[in-house]
Amino acid sequence: MSAQPALIRETFPVGPLQCNCTIIGDPVTGKALVVDPGGDHELILARLDALGLKVVSIIHTHAHLDHFLASGQMKEKTGATLHLHQDDKFLWDNLEMQCRMFGVPYQPVPAPDQWLADDEALACGCGVAMHTPGHTPGSMSFWFPEAKLLIAGDTLFRRGIGRTDLWGGDFAQIERSIRLRLYSLDEDATVVTGHGPDTRLGDEMRENPFIRAGQ
């Protein structure tokens, strides 16, 4: 049997707060997921076009404004469905308030089409959603085992963790999510963070100054 072609993955910062938006594409079907379109919808659409991919699902690690500002425009342009964990609905519904607080122009976004569930298989059949609360109540991470790729949103950063002093944040929860869920994955995995550079899961397990494995 011939090996499966590698998953297409491209990550780039978007929007006023430079959230990392990630495109995950299936090279066989040409279908794609877009994770956290936090702005610059024309740039995201141009990258999809350059990669020859059609987005079918727009999935969100959480509902802070910088991770879904362009979601409505993406849905309007592509017809893709919007996905979020239900525990972050209160944040999604308060986008205008969030924008006002951070001085960011408000762009209305329609309600999510579907609620994400823990251990739910993602479109394209290549990944799974993991409920990893703490940064927000509905924070999700997305795990692609064949590619050894973890999209952690604002739960885990390179030598950092997500802040827990915003709406619904909980340090005890984020600690559990990282220790029990994320640190149980393949330590060779590449971690795509919500902001800033990628990291390696094993490096965070040993060197993250906030939460280390086994401590």
N, C-alpha and C. Protein backbone atom coordinates (compact mmCIF):
# COMPACT_ATOMS: atom_id res chain seq x y z
N MET A 1 0.84 -1.20 0.00
CA MET A 1 0.00 0.00 0.00
C MET A 1 0.87 1.25 0.00
N SER A 2 0.49 2.22 -0.78
CA SER A 2 1.25 3.47 -0.80
C SER A 2 0.88 4.32 0.41
N ALA A 3 1.82 5.14 0.86
CA ALA A 3 1.59 6.00 2.03
C ALA A 3 0.58 7.08 1.68
N GLN A 4 -0.20 7.45 2.71
CA GLN A 4 -1.15 8.55 2.53
C GLN A 4 -0.38 9.86 2.33
N PRO A 5 -0.82 10.71 1.40
CA PRO A 5 -0.15 12.01 1.26
C PRO A 5 -0.34 12.83 2.53
N ALA A 6 0.68 13.63 2.83
CA ALA A 6 0.67 14.39 4.08
C ALA A 6 -0.44 15.44 4.07
N LEU A 7 -0.99 15.67 5.26
CA LEU A 7 -1.97 16.72 5.46
C LEU A 7 -1.35 18.07 5.10
N ILE A 8 -2.15 18.93 4.48
CA ILE A 8 -1.69 20.29 4.20
C ILE A 8 -1.94 21.14 5.44
N ARG A 9 -0.93 21.86 5.88
CA ARG A 9 -1.11 22.75 7.04
C ARG A 9 -0.39 24.06 6.80
N GLU A 10 -1.13 25.15 6.94
CA GLU A 10 -0.51 26.47 6.85
C GLU A 10 -1.07 27.34 7.97
N THR A 11 -0.18 27.99 8.71
CA THR A 11 -0.56 28.85 9.83
C THR A 11 0.01 30.24 9.60
N PHE A 12 -0.79 31.27 9.86
CA PHE A 12 -0.32 32.64 9.66
C PHE A 12 -1.14 33.57 10.56
N PRO A 13 -0.55 34.68 11.02
CA PRO A 13 -1.27 35.60 11.91
C PRO A 13 -2.26 36.46 11.14
N VAL A 14 -3.40 36.71 11.77
CA VAL A 14 -4.44 37.53 11.14
C VAL A 14 -5.05 38.47 12.18
N GLY A 15 -5.68 39.52 11.68
CA GLY A 15 -6.50 40.38 12.51
C GLY A 15 -5.71 41.34 13.38
N PRO A 16 -6.44 42.19 14.10
CA PRO A 16 -5.81 43.26 14.88
C PRO A 16 -4.95 42.75 16.03
N LEU A 17 -5.22 41.55 16.53
CA LEU A 17 -4.44 41.01 17.65
C LEU A 17 -3.54 39.85 17.23
N GLN A 18 -3.39 39.68 15.90
CA GLN A 18 -2.43 38.70 15.35
C GLN A 18 -2.64 37.29 15.90
N CYS A 19 -3.89 36.85 15.87
CA CYS A 19 -4.22 35.46 16.19
C CYS A 19 -3.70 34.55 15.09
N ASN A 20 -3.23 33.38 15.46
CA ASN A 20 -2.80 32.40 14.46
C ASN A 20 -4.01 31.71 13.86
N CYS A 21 -4.20 31.89 12.56
CA CYS A 21 -5.23 31.18 11.80
C CYS A 21 -4.55 30.01 11.10
N THR A 22 -5.19 28.85 11.14
CA THR A 22 -4.59 27.66 10.52
C THR A 22 -5.55 27.05 9.50
N ILE A 23 -5.00 26.73 8.35
CA ILE A 23 -5.72 25.97 7.32
C ILE A 23 -5.22 24.53 7.39
N ILE A 24 -6.16 23.59 7.50
CA ILE A 24 -5.83 22.17 7.45
C ILE A 24 -6.54 21.60 6.22
N GLY A 25 -5.78 21.02 5.30
CA GLY A 25 -6.38 20.53 4.07
C GLY A 25 -6.09 19.07 3.80
N ASP A 26 -7.07 18.39 3.24
CA ASP A 26 -6.92 17.01 2.80
C ASP A 26 -6.47 17.04 1.34
N PRO A 27 -5.24 16.59 1.05
CA PRO A 27 -4.73 16.68 -0.33
C PRO A 27 -5.47 15.78 -1.31
N VAL A 28 -6.20 14.78 -0.80
CA VAL A 28 -6.92 13.86 -1.69
C VAL A 28 -8.26 14.45 -2.12
N THR A 29 -9.03 14.95 -1.14
CA THR A 29 -10.36 15.47 -1.45
C THR A 29 -10.37 16.96 -1.77
N GLY A 30 -9.32 17.68 -1.34
CA GLY A 30 -9.29 19.12 -1.54
C GLY A 30 -10.15 19.88 -0.55
N LYS A 31 -10.70 19.18 0.46
CA LYS A 31 -11.52 19.84 1.47
C LYS A 31 -10.63 20.35 2.61
N ALA A 32 -11.08 21.44 3.24
CA ALA A 32 -10.26 22.06 4.27
C ALA A 32 -11.07 22.51 5.46
N LEU A 33 -10.38 22.59 6.60
CA LEU A 33 -10.86 23.25 7.80
C LEU A 33 -10.11 24.57 7.93
N VAL A 34 -10.80 25.59 8.41
CA VAL A 34 -10.11 26.82 8.82
C VAL A 34 -10.32 26.97 10.31
N VAL A 35 -9.22 27.12 11.03
CA VAL A 35 -9.27 27.26 12.48
C VAL A 35 -8.99 28.72 12.85
N ASP A 36 -9.91 29.33 13.60
CA ASP A 36 -9.73 30.66 14.18
C ASP A 36 -9.45 31.76 13.15
N PRO A 37 -10.42 32.06 12.29
CA PRO A 37 -10.25 33.19 11.36
C PRO A 37 -10.50 34.51 12.09
N GLY A 38 -9.46 35.03 12.70
CA GLY A 38 -9.60 36.21 13.55
C GLY A 38 -9.56 37.54 12.83
N GLY A 39 -9.59 37.54 11.52
CA GLY A 39 -9.56 38.77 10.73
C GLY A 39 -8.97 38.47 9.36
N ASP A 40 -8.90 39.52 8.53
CA ASP A 40 -8.25 39.42 7.21
C ASP A 40 -8.83 38.28 6.36
N HIS A 41 -10.16 38.26 6.22
CA HIS A 41 -10.79 37.15 5.50
C HIS A 41 -10.29 37.03 4.06
N GLU A 42 -9.94 38.16 3.44
CA GLU A 42 -9.47 38.10 2.04
C GLU A 42 -8.13 37.37 1.95
N LEU A 43 -7.27 37.57 2.95
CA LEU A 43 -5.99 36.85 3.00
C LEU A 43 -6.24 35.34 3.16
N ILE A 44 -7.15 34.97 4.06
CA ILE A 44 -7.44 33.55 4.28
C ILE A 44 -7.99 32.92 3.00
N LEU A 45 -8.90 33.61 2.35
CA LEU A 45 -9.48 33.10 1.10
C LEU A 45 -8.41 32.97 0.01
N ALA A 46 -7.50 33.92 -0.04
CA ALA A 46 -6.43 33.87 -1.04
C ALA A 46 -5.51 32.67 -0.79
N ARG A 47 -5.21 32.38 0.49
CA ARG A 47 -4.37 31.23 0.81
C ARG A 47 -5.07 29.92 0.46
N LEU A 48 -6.36 29.83 0.75
CA LEU A 48 -7.12 28.63 0.38
C LEU A 48 -7.07 28.42 -1.13
N ASP A 49 -7.26 29.51 -1.87
CA ASP A 49 -7.26 29.43 -3.32
C ASP A 49 -5.88 28.99 -3.84
N ALA A 50 -4.82 29.56 -3.26
CA ALA A 50 -3.46 29.21 -3.69
C ALA A 50 -3.14 27.74 -3.41
N LEU A 51 -3.73 27.21 -2.33
CA LEU A 51 -3.49 25.81 -1.96
C LEU A 51 -4.44 24.84 -2.69
N GLY A 52 -5.40 25.41 -3.43
CA GLY A 52 -6.36 24.57 -4.16
C GLY A 52 -7.34 23.86 -3.26
N LEU A 53 -7.72 24.53 -2.15
CA LEU A 53 -8.59 23.91 -1.16
C LEU A 53 -9.93 24.61 -1.06
N LYS A 54 -10.96 23.84 -0.70
CA LYS A 54 -12.30 24.38 -0.45
C LYS A 54 -12.65 24.17 1.02
N VAL A 55 -12.90 25.26 1.73
CA VAL A 55 -13.20 25.15 3.16
C VAL A 55 -14.63 24.63 3.36
N VAL A 56 -14.77 23.62 4.21
CA VAL A 56 -16.09 23.07 4.51
C VAL A 56 -16.52 23.36 5.95
N SER A 57 -15.54 23.55 6.84
CA SER A 57 -15.86 23.84 8.24
C SER A 57 -14.93 24.92 8.77
N ILE A 58 -15.51 25.84 9.54
CA ILE A 58 -14.74 26.87 10.23
C ILE A 58 -14.86 26.56 11.71
N ILE A 59 -13.76 26.17 12.33
CA ILE A 59 -13.81 25.70 13.71
C ILE A 59 -13.02 26.67 14.60
N HIS A 60 -13.46 26.76 15.85
CA HIS A 60 -12.92 27.78 16.75
C HIS A 60 -12.39 27.15 18.03
N THR A 61 -11.18 27.56 18.42
CA THR A 61 -10.65 27.08 19.69
C THR A 61 -11.39 27.71 20.86
N HIS A 62 -11.90 28.92 20.68
CA HIS A 62 -12.70 29.58 21.73
C HIS A 62 -13.30 30.85 21.12
N ALA A 63 -14.07 31.57 21.93
CA ALA A 63 -14.84 32.70 21.38
C ALA A 63 -14.38 34.05 21.90
N HIS A 64 -13.07 34.23 22.07
CA HIS A 64 -12.57 35.58 22.25
C HIS A 64 -12.52 36.25 20.88
N LEU A 65 -12.79 37.55 20.86
CA LEU A 65 -13.00 38.27 19.60
C LEU A 65 -11.90 38.04 18.58
N ASP A 66 -10.64 37.95 19.03
CA ASP A 66 -9.53 37.89 18.08
C ASP A 66 -9.44 36.54 17.37
N HIS A 67 -10.30 35.58 17.74
CA HIS A 67 -10.28 34.27 17.10
C HIS A 67 -11.48 34.05 16.17
N PHE A 68 -12.41 35.01 16.11
CA PHE A 68 -13.55 34.79 15.18
C PHE A 68 -14.08 36.06 14.53
N LEU A 69 -13.28 37.11 14.48
CA LEU A 69 -13.76 38.36 13.88
C LEU A 69 -14.15 38.21 12.42
N ALA A 70 -13.45 37.34 11.68
CA ALA A 70 -13.74 37.18 10.24
C ALA A 70 -14.63 35.98 9.95
N SER A 71 -15.17 35.34 10.99
CA SER A 71 -15.94 34.10 10.77
C SER A 71 -17.19 34.35 9.94
N GLY A 72 -17.89 35.44 10.19
CA GLY A 72 -19.09 35.75 9.42
C GLY A 72 -18.79 35.98 7.96
N GLN A 73 -17.72 36.72 7.69
CA GLN A 73 -17.34 36.98 6.30
C GLN A 73 -16.89 35.69 5.61
N MET A 74 -16.18 34.84 6.34
CA MET A 74 -15.75 33.56 5.76
C MET A 74 -16.96 32.69 5.41
N LYS A 75 -17.93 32.65 6.32
CA LYS A 75 -19.14 31.85 6.06
C LYS A 75 -19.90 32.41 4.85
N GLU A 76 -20.01 33.73 4.80
CA GLU A 76 -20.74 34.36 3.70
C GLU A 76 -20.08 34.07 2.35
N LYS A 77 -18.76 34.08 2.31
CA LYS A 77 -18.04 33.90 1.05
C LYS A 77 -17.95 32.43 0.62
N THR A 78 -17.97 31.51 1.59
CA THR A 78 -17.68 30.11 1.26
C THR A 78 -18.84 29.15 1.51
N GLY A 79 -19.80 29.56 2.36
CA GLY A 79 -20.88 28.66 2.73
C GLY A 79 -20.48 27.62 3.76
N ALA A 80 -19.25 27.71 4.28
CA ALA A 80 -18.79 26.75 5.29
C ALA A 80 -19.55 26.94 6.60
N THR A 81 -19.64 25.87 7.37
CA THR A 81 -20.36 25.93 8.65
C THR A 81 -19.44 26.40 9.77
N LEU A 82 -20.03 27.08 10.76
CA LEU A 82 -19.30 27.59 11.92
C LEU A 82 -19.48 26.65 13.10
N HIS A 83 -18.38 26.32 13.79
CA HIS A 83 -18.40 25.34 14.88
C HIS A 83 -17.73 25.92 16.12
N LEU A 84 -18.36 25.72 17.29
CA LEU A 84 -17.88 26.26 18.56
C LEU A 84 -18.39 25.35 19.68
N HIS A 85 -17.67 25.30 20.81
CA HIS A 85 -18.20 24.59 21.96
C HIS A 85 -19.28 25.46 22.62
N GLN A 86 -20.36 24.83 23.02
CA GLN A 86 -21.52 25.58 23.53
C GLN A 86 -21.21 26.40 24.78
N ASP A 87 -20.22 25.98 25.56
CA ASP A 87 -19.90 26.72 26.79
C ASP A 87 -19.32 28.10 26.52
N ASP A 88 -18.95 28.38 25.27
CA ASP A 88 -18.46 29.71 24.91
C ASP A 88 -19.51 30.55 24.18
N LYS A 89 -20.75 30.08 24.18
CA LYS A 89 -21.82 30.84 23.49
C LYS A 89 -21.95 32.24 24.07
N PHE A 90 -21.79 32.38 25.40
CA PHE A 90 -21.97 33.70 26.02
C PHE A 90 -20.93 34.70 25.51
N LEU A 91 -19.75 34.21 25.17
CA LEU A 91 -18.71 35.09 24.62
C LEU A 91 -19.02 35.45 23.17
N TRP A 92 -19.43 34.45 22.41
CA TRP A 92 -19.80 34.67 20.99
C TRP A 92 -20.92 35.70 20.90
N ASP A 93 -21.89 35.57 21.80
CA ASP A 93 -23.05 36.48 21.78
C ASP A 93 -22.68 37.90 22.23
N ASN A 94 -21.52 38.06 22.85
CA ASN A 94 -21.09 39.37 23.33
C ASN A 94 -19.89 39.92 22.56
N LEU A 95 -19.83 39.60 21.28
CA LEU A 95 -18.74 40.09 20.45
C LEU A 95 -18.67 41.61 20.45
N GLU A 96 -19.80 42.27 20.37
CA GLU A 96 -19.80 43.74 20.32
C GLU A 96 -19.17 44.32 21.58
N MET A 97 -19.51 43.75 22.73
CA MET A 97 -18.92 44.21 24.00
C MET A 97 -17.41 43.97 24.01
N GLN A 98 -16.98 42.80 23.54
CA GLN A 98 -15.54 42.50 23.50
C GLN A 98 -14.80 43.50 22.60
N CYS A 99 -15.38 43.78 21.45
CA CYS A 99 -14.77 44.73 20.52
C CYS A 99 -14.64 46.11 21.15
N ARG A 100 -15.68 46.53 21.86
CA ARG A 100 -15.66 47.84 22.50
C ARG A 100 -14.54 47.91 23.55
N MET A 101 -14.40 46.83 24.33
CA MET A 101 -13.37 46.78 25.37
C MET A 101 -11.96 46.90 24.80
N PHE A 102 -11.74 46.27 23.64
CA PHE A 102 -10.40 46.23 23.06
C PHE A 102 -10.21 47.28 21.95
N GLY A 103 -11.23 48.12 21.73
CA GLY A 103 -11.11 49.17 20.72
C GLY A 103 -10.98 48.65 19.31
N VAL A 104 -11.68 47.53 19.03
CA VAL A 104 -11.60 46.89 17.71
C VAL A 104 -12.94 47.11 16.99
N PRO A 105 -12.94 47.45 15.70
CA PRO A 105 -14.20 47.64 14.98
C PRO A 105 -15.07 46.38 15.04
N TYR A 106 -16.36 46.58 15.25
CA TYR A 106 -17.30 45.47 15.40
C TYR A 106 -17.83 45.03 14.05
N GLN A 107 -17.76 43.75 13.80
CA GLN A 107 -18.31 43.15 12.57
C GLN A 107 -19.24 42.02 13.01
N PRO A 108 -20.56 42.16 12.83
CA PRO A 108 -21.48 41.12 13.32
C PRO A 108 -21.16 39.74 12.74
N VAL A 109 -21.40 38.72 13.54
CA VAL A 109 -21.14 37.33 13.15
C VAL A 109 -22.39 36.51 13.44
N PRO A 110 -22.84 35.67 12.50
CA PRO A 110 -24.03 34.85 12.76
C PRO A 110 -23.76 33.81 13.84
N ALA A 111 -24.82 33.23 14.36
CA ALA A 111 -24.68 32.19 15.38
C ALA A 111 -23.97 30.98 14.81
N PRO A 112 -23.25 30.23 15.65
CA PRO A 112 -22.64 28.99 15.18
C PRO A 112 -23.68 28.03 14.61
N ASP A 113 -23.29 27.27 13.61
CA ASP A 113 -24.19 26.28 13.01
C ASP A 113 -24.26 25.00 13.83
N GLN A 114 -23.14 24.64 14.45
CA GLN A 114 -23.08 23.38 15.20
C GLN A 114 -22.21 23.57 16.43
N TRP A 115 -22.58 22.87 17.51
CA TRP A 115 -21.77 22.88 18.72
C TRP A 115 -20.75 21.75 18.66
N LEU A 116 -19.51 22.07 18.96
CA LEU A 116 -18.46 21.07 19.02
C LEU A 116 -18.58 20.25 20.30
N ALA A 117 -18.31 18.96 20.21
CA ALA A 117 -18.34 18.08 21.38
C ALA A 117 -16.96 17.50 21.61
N ASP A 118 -16.68 17.16 22.87
CA ASP A 118 -15.42 16.51 23.20
C ASP A 118 -15.30 15.18 22.44
N ASP A 119 -14.13 14.92 21.89
CA ASP A 119 -13.84 13.69 21.14
C ASP A 119 -14.61 13.59 19.82
N GLU A 120 -15.13 14.70 19.34
CA GLU A 120 -15.86 14.70 18.05
C GLU A 120 -14.87 14.64 16.89
N ALA A 121 -15.18 13.78 15.92
CA ALA A 121 -14.36 13.72 14.70
C ALA A 121 -14.60 14.98 13.87
N LEU A 122 -13.54 15.54 13.34
CA LEU A 122 -13.64 16.76 12.55
C LEU A 122 -13.87 16.43 11.08
N ALA A 123 -14.43 17.38 10.35
CA ALA A 123 -14.60 17.23 8.91
C ALA A 123 -13.24 16.94 8.28
N CYS A 124 -13.22 16.26 7.17
CA CYS A 124 -12.01 15.77 6.49
C CYS A 124 -11.55 14.45 7.09
N GLY A 125 -12.12 14.05 8.23
CA GLY A 125 -11.81 12.74 8.80
C GLY A 125 -10.38 12.58 9.29
N CYS A 126 -9.73 13.70 9.59
CA CYS A 126 -8.30 13.60 9.91
C CYS A 126 -7.97 14.06 11.32
N GLY A 127 -8.95 14.50 12.08
CA GLY A 127 -8.65 15.03 13.40
C GLY A 127 -9.81 14.88 14.35
N VAL A 128 -9.55 15.26 15.60
CA VAL A 128 -10.55 15.13 16.65
C VAL A 128 -10.54 16.39 17.51
N ALA A 129 -11.73 16.79 17.95
CA ALA A 129 -11.86 17.94 18.85
C ALA A 129 -11.72 17.48 20.29
N MET A 130 -11.01 18.26 21.10
CA MET A 130 -10.83 17.96 22.52
C MET A 130 -11.26 19.16 23.34
N HIS A 131 -12.16 18.94 24.29
CA HIS A 131 -12.59 20.02 25.18
C HIS A 131 -11.50 20.24 26.23
N THR A 132 -10.88 21.43 26.19
CA THR A 132 -9.78 21.74 27.11
C THR A 132 -10.05 23.08 27.80
N PRO A 133 -11.05 23.11 28.70
CA PRO A 133 -11.46 24.37 29.33
C PRO A 133 -10.38 24.94 30.25
N GLY A 134 -10.53 26.22 30.54
CA GLY A 134 -9.63 26.90 31.46
C GLY A 134 -9.37 28.33 31.01
N HIS A 135 -8.88 28.50 29.78
CA HIS A 135 -8.74 29.85 29.23
C HIS A 135 -10.13 30.46 29.09
N THR A 136 -11.05 29.67 28.55
CA THR A 136 -12.48 29.97 28.56
C THR A 136 -13.20 28.65 28.88
N PRO A 137 -14.49 28.70 29.27
CA PRO A 137 -15.19 27.45 29.59
C PRO A 137 -15.31 26.49 28.42
N GLY A 138 -15.38 27.04 27.19
CA GLY A 138 -15.57 26.19 26.02
C GLY A 138 -14.32 26.02 25.17
N SER A 139 -13.16 26.29 25.73
CA SER A 139 -11.93 26.17 24.94
C SER A 139 -11.75 24.75 24.40
N MET A 140 -11.35 24.69 23.13
CA MET A 140 -11.12 23.42 22.45
C MET A 140 -9.70 23.36 21.91
N SER A 141 -9.16 22.15 21.85
CA SER A 141 -7.92 21.89 21.11
C SER A 141 -8.26 20.89 20.02
N PHE A 142 -7.46 20.89 18.96
CA PHE A 142 -7.73 20.00 17.82
C PHE A 142 -6.49 19.15 17.56
N TRP A 143 -6.68 17.83 17.57
CA TRP A 143 -5.57 16.88 17.50
C TRP A 143 -5.65 16.09 16.20
N PHE A 144 -4.54 16.10 15.47
CA PHE A 144 -4.43 15.40 14.20
C PHE A 144 -3.33 14.34 14.37
N PRO A 145 -3.70 13.12 14.79
CA PRO A 145 -2.70 12.13 15.21
C PRO A 145 -1.75 11.70 14.12
N GLU A 146 -2.26 11.51 12.90
CA GLU A 146 -1.37 11.04 11.82
C GLU A 146 -0.28 12.07 11.52
N ALA A 147 -0.64 13.34 11.64
CA ALA A 147 0.32 14.41 11.35
C ALA A 147 1.11 14.82 12.59
N LYS A 148 0.78 14.24 13.75
CA LYS A 148 1.39 14.64 15.03
C LYS A 148 1.31 16.16 15.17
N LEU A 149 0.09 16.66 15.03
CA LEU A 149 -0.16 18.10 15.05
C LEU A 149 -1.26 18.42 16.06
N LEU A 150 -0.98 19.36 16.95
CA LEU A 150 -1.95 19.80 17.95
C LEU A 150 -2.18 21.29 17.78
N ILE A 151 -3.43 21.67 17.56
CA ILE A 151 -3.79 23.09 17.54
C ILE A 151 -4.38 23.40 18.92
N ALA A 152 -3.65 24.18 19.71
CA ALA A 152 -3.98 24.35 21.13
C ALA A 152 -4.68 25.67 21.43
N GLY A 153 -4.86 26.54 20.43
CA GLY A 153 -5.50 27.82 20.71
C GLY A 153 -4.73 28.58 21.78
N ASP A 154 -5.47 29.20 22.70
CA ASP A 154 -4.83 29.97 23.77
C ASP A 154 -4.70 29.15 25.06
N THR A 155 -4.77 27.82 24.94
CA THR A 155 -4.58 26.98 26.13
C THR A 155 -3.11 26.82 26.45
N LEU A 156 -2.29 26.52 25.44
CA LEU A 156 -0.86 26.28 25.65
C LEU A 156 -0.05 27.09 24.65
N PHE A 157 0.97 27.77 25.16
CA PHE A 157 1.88 28.55 24.32
C PHE A 157 3.30 28.02 24.47
N ARG A 158 4.18 28.53 23.64
CA ARG A 158 5.60 28.20 23.80
C ARG A 158 6.07 28.80 25.13
N ARG A 159 6.35 27.95 26.08
CA ARG A 159 6.78 28.33 27.44
C ARG A 159 5.76 29.23 28.13
N GLY A 160 4.50 29.00 27.84
CA GLY A 160 3.45 29.78 28.49
C GLY A 160 2.13 29.03 28.45
N ILE A 161 1.15 29.58 29.15
CA ILE A 161 -0.21 29.05 29.13
C ILE A 161 -1.18 30.21 28.94
N GLY A 162 -2.43 29.90 28.64
CA GLY A 162 -3.42 30.94 28.43
C GLY A 162 -3.75 31.67 29.72
N ARG A 163 -4.06 32.93 29.59
CA ARG A 163 -4.45 33.71 30.76
C ARG A 163 -5.82 33.25 31.25
N THR A 164 -6.05 33.36 32.53
CA THR A 164 -7.32 32.89 33.12
C THR A 164 -8.05 34.01 33.86
N ASP A 165 -7.67 35.27 33.56
CA ASP A 165 -8.29 36.41 34.26
C ASP A 165 -9.35 37.09 33.42
N LEU A 166 -9.70 36.49 32.28
CA LEU A 166 -10.79 37.03 31.47
C LEU A 166 -12.07 36.23 31.75
N TRP A 167 -13.16 36.59 31.08
CA TRP A 167 -14.48 36.02 31.33
C TRP A 167 -14.46 34.50 31.35
N GLY A 168 -14.81 33.90 32.47
CA GLY A 168 -14.93 32.44 32.55
C GLY A 168 -13.62 31.70 32.68
N GLY A 169 -12.50 32.41 32.81
CA GLY A 169 -11.20 31.74 32.95
C GLY A 169 -11.08 31.05 34.31
N ASP A 170 -10.30 29.96 34.35
CA ASP A 170 -10.19 29.16 35.57
C ASP A 170 -8.84 28.45 35.55
N PHE A 171 -7.91 28.84 36.45
CA PHE A 171 -6.57 28.26 36.41
C PHE A 171 -6.58 26.77 36.71
N ALA A 172 -7.37 26.35 37.69
CA ALA A 172 -7.42 24.92 38.02
C ALA A 172 -7.87 24.11 36.81
N GLN A 173 -8.82 24.65 36.05
CA GLN A 173 -9.30 23.95 34.85
C GLN A 173 -8.22 23.88 33.77
N ILE A 174 -7.55 24.99 33.52
CA ILE A 174 -6.54 24.97 32.45
C ILE A 174 -5.40 24.03 32.83
N GLU A 175 -5.06 23.98 34.11
CA GLU A 175 -4.01 23.06 34.56
C GLU A 175 -4.42 21.61 34.30
N ARG A 176 -5.67 21.28 34.63
CA ARG A 176 -6.17 19.91 34.37
C ARG A 176 -6.16 19.61 32.88
N SER A 177 -6.63 20.57 32.08
CA SER A 177 -6.70 20.36 30.62
C SER A 177 -5.32 20.07 30.05
N ILE A 178 -4.34 20.83 30.48
CA ILE A 178 -2.99 20.66 29.93
C ILE A 178 -2.37 19.36 30.43
N ARG A 179 -2.47 19.12 31.74
CA ARG A 179 -1.84 17.91 32.31
C ARG A 179 -2.49 16.62 31.80
N LEU A 180 -3.82 16.59 31.85
CA LEU A 180 -4.52 15.33 31.60
C LEU A 180 -4.81 15.09 30.12
N ARG A 181 -5.05 16.14 29.36
CA ARG A 181 -5.42 15.97 27.97
C ARG A 181 -4.23 16.21 27.03
N LEU A 182 -3.63 17.39 27.11
CA LEU A 182 -2.59 17.72 26.14
C LEU A 182 -1.30 16.94 26.40
N TYR A 183 -0.89 16.87 27.66
CA TYR A 183 0.38 16.18 27.96
C TYR A 183 0.26 14.66 27.85
N SER A 184 -0.92 14.16 27.54
CA SER A 184 -1.07 12.72 27.31
C SER A 184 -0.86 12.36 25.84
N LEU A 185 -0.69 13.37 24.99
CA LEU A 185 -0.52 13.14 23.56
C LEU A 185 0.95 12.87 23.23
N ASP A 186 1.22 12.59 21.97
CA ASP A 186 2.57 12.27 21.51
C ASP A 186 3.51 13.46 21.74
N GLU A 187 4.57 13.24 22.50
CA GLU A 187 5.44 14.36 22.83
C GLU A 187 6.23 14.88 21.64
N ASP A 188 6.24 14.13 20.53
CA ASP A 188 6.87 14.63 19.31
C ASP A 188 5.96 15.56 18.52
N ALA A 189 4.74 15.77 19.00
CA ALA A 189 3.78 16.58 18.26
C ALA A 189 4.22 18.04 18.18
N THR A 190 3.94 18.63 17.03
CA THR A 190 4.07 20.08 16.86
C THR A 190 2.83 20.74 17.44
N VAL A 191 3.02 21.78 18.24
CA VAL A 191 1.90 22.51 18.83
C VAL A 191 1.76 23.86 18.13
N VAL A 192 0.60 24.07 17.51
CA VAL A 192 0.26 25.38 16.95
C VAL A 192 -0.45 26.16 18.05
N THR A 193 0.14 27.25 18.46
CA THR A 193 -0.43 28.05 19.55
C THR A 193 -1.36 29.13 19.01
N GLY A 194 -2.11 29.76 19.89
CA GLY A 194 -3.06 30.78 19.46
C GLY A 194 -2.40 32.06 19.00
N HIS A 195 -1.20 32.32 19.50
CA HIS A 195 -0.42 33.50 19.14
C HIS A 195 1.04 33.11 19.23
N GLY A 196 1.87 33.63 18.34
CA GLY A 196 3.29 33.37 18.45
C GLY A 196 3.71 32.07 17.78
N PRO A 197 4.95 31.64 18.07
CA PRO A 197 5.54 30.52 17.33
C PRO A 197 5.00 29.16 17.75
N ASP A 198 5.14 28.19 16.84
CA ASP A 198 4.88 26.79 17.17
C ASP A 198 5.85 26.35 18.28
N THR A 199 5.51 25.24 18.92
CA THR A 199 6.42 24.63 19.87
C THR A 199 6.29 23.11 19.73
N ARG A 200 7.07 22.39 20.51
CA ARG A 200 7.02 20.93 20.51
C ARG A 200 6.45 20.49 21.84
N LEU A 201 5.51 19.55 21.81
CA LEU A 201 4.80 19.19 23.04
C LEU A 201 5.77 18.69 24.12
N GLY A 202 6.72 17.84 23.74
CA GLY A 202 7.66 17.32 24.73
C GLY A 202 8.47 18.42 25.40
N ASP A 203 8.81 19.46 24.64
CA ASP A 203 9.55 20.58 25.23
C ASP A 203 8.71 21.29 26.29
N GLU A 204 7.42 21.45 26.01
CA GLU A 204 6.54 22.09 27.00
C GLU A 204 6.37 21.20 28.23
N MET A 205 6.24 19.90 28.02
CA MET A 205 6.08 18.98 29.14
C MET A 205 7.25 19.10 30.12
N ARG A 206 8.45 19.34 29.58
CA ARG A 206 9.64 19.39 30.42
C ARG A 206 10.04 20.80 30.85
N GLU A 207 9.73 21.80 30.01
CA GLU A 207 10.32 23.12 30.22
C GLU A 207 9.32 24.26 30.43
N ASN A 208 8.02 23.98 30.29
CA ASN A 208 7.05 25.06 30.49
C ASN A 208 7.11 25.51 31.95
N PRO A 209 7.38 26.79 32.21
CA PRO A 209 7.56 27.23 33.60
C PRO A 209 6.27 27.26 34.42
N PHE A 210 5.12 27.16 33.76
CA PHE A 210 3.83 27.24 34.47
C PHE A 210 3.29 25.86 34.82
N ILE A 211 3.34 24.95 33.85
CA ILE A 211 2.79 23.61 34.08
C ILE A 211 3.72 22.59 33.41
N ARG A 212 4.37 21.77 34.22
CA ARG A 212 5.24 20.73 33.69
C ARG A 212 4.63 19.36 33.97
N ALA A 213 4.91 18.43 33.09
CA ALA A 213 4.39 17.07 33.27
C ALA A 213 5.02 16.46 34.51
N GLY A 214 4.20 15.74 35.27
CA GLY A 214 4.69 14.98 36.40
C GLY A 214 4.99 15.80 37.64
N GLN A 215 4.67 17.08 37.63
CA GLN A 215 4.92 17.90 38.83
C GLN A 215 3.62 18.28 39.51
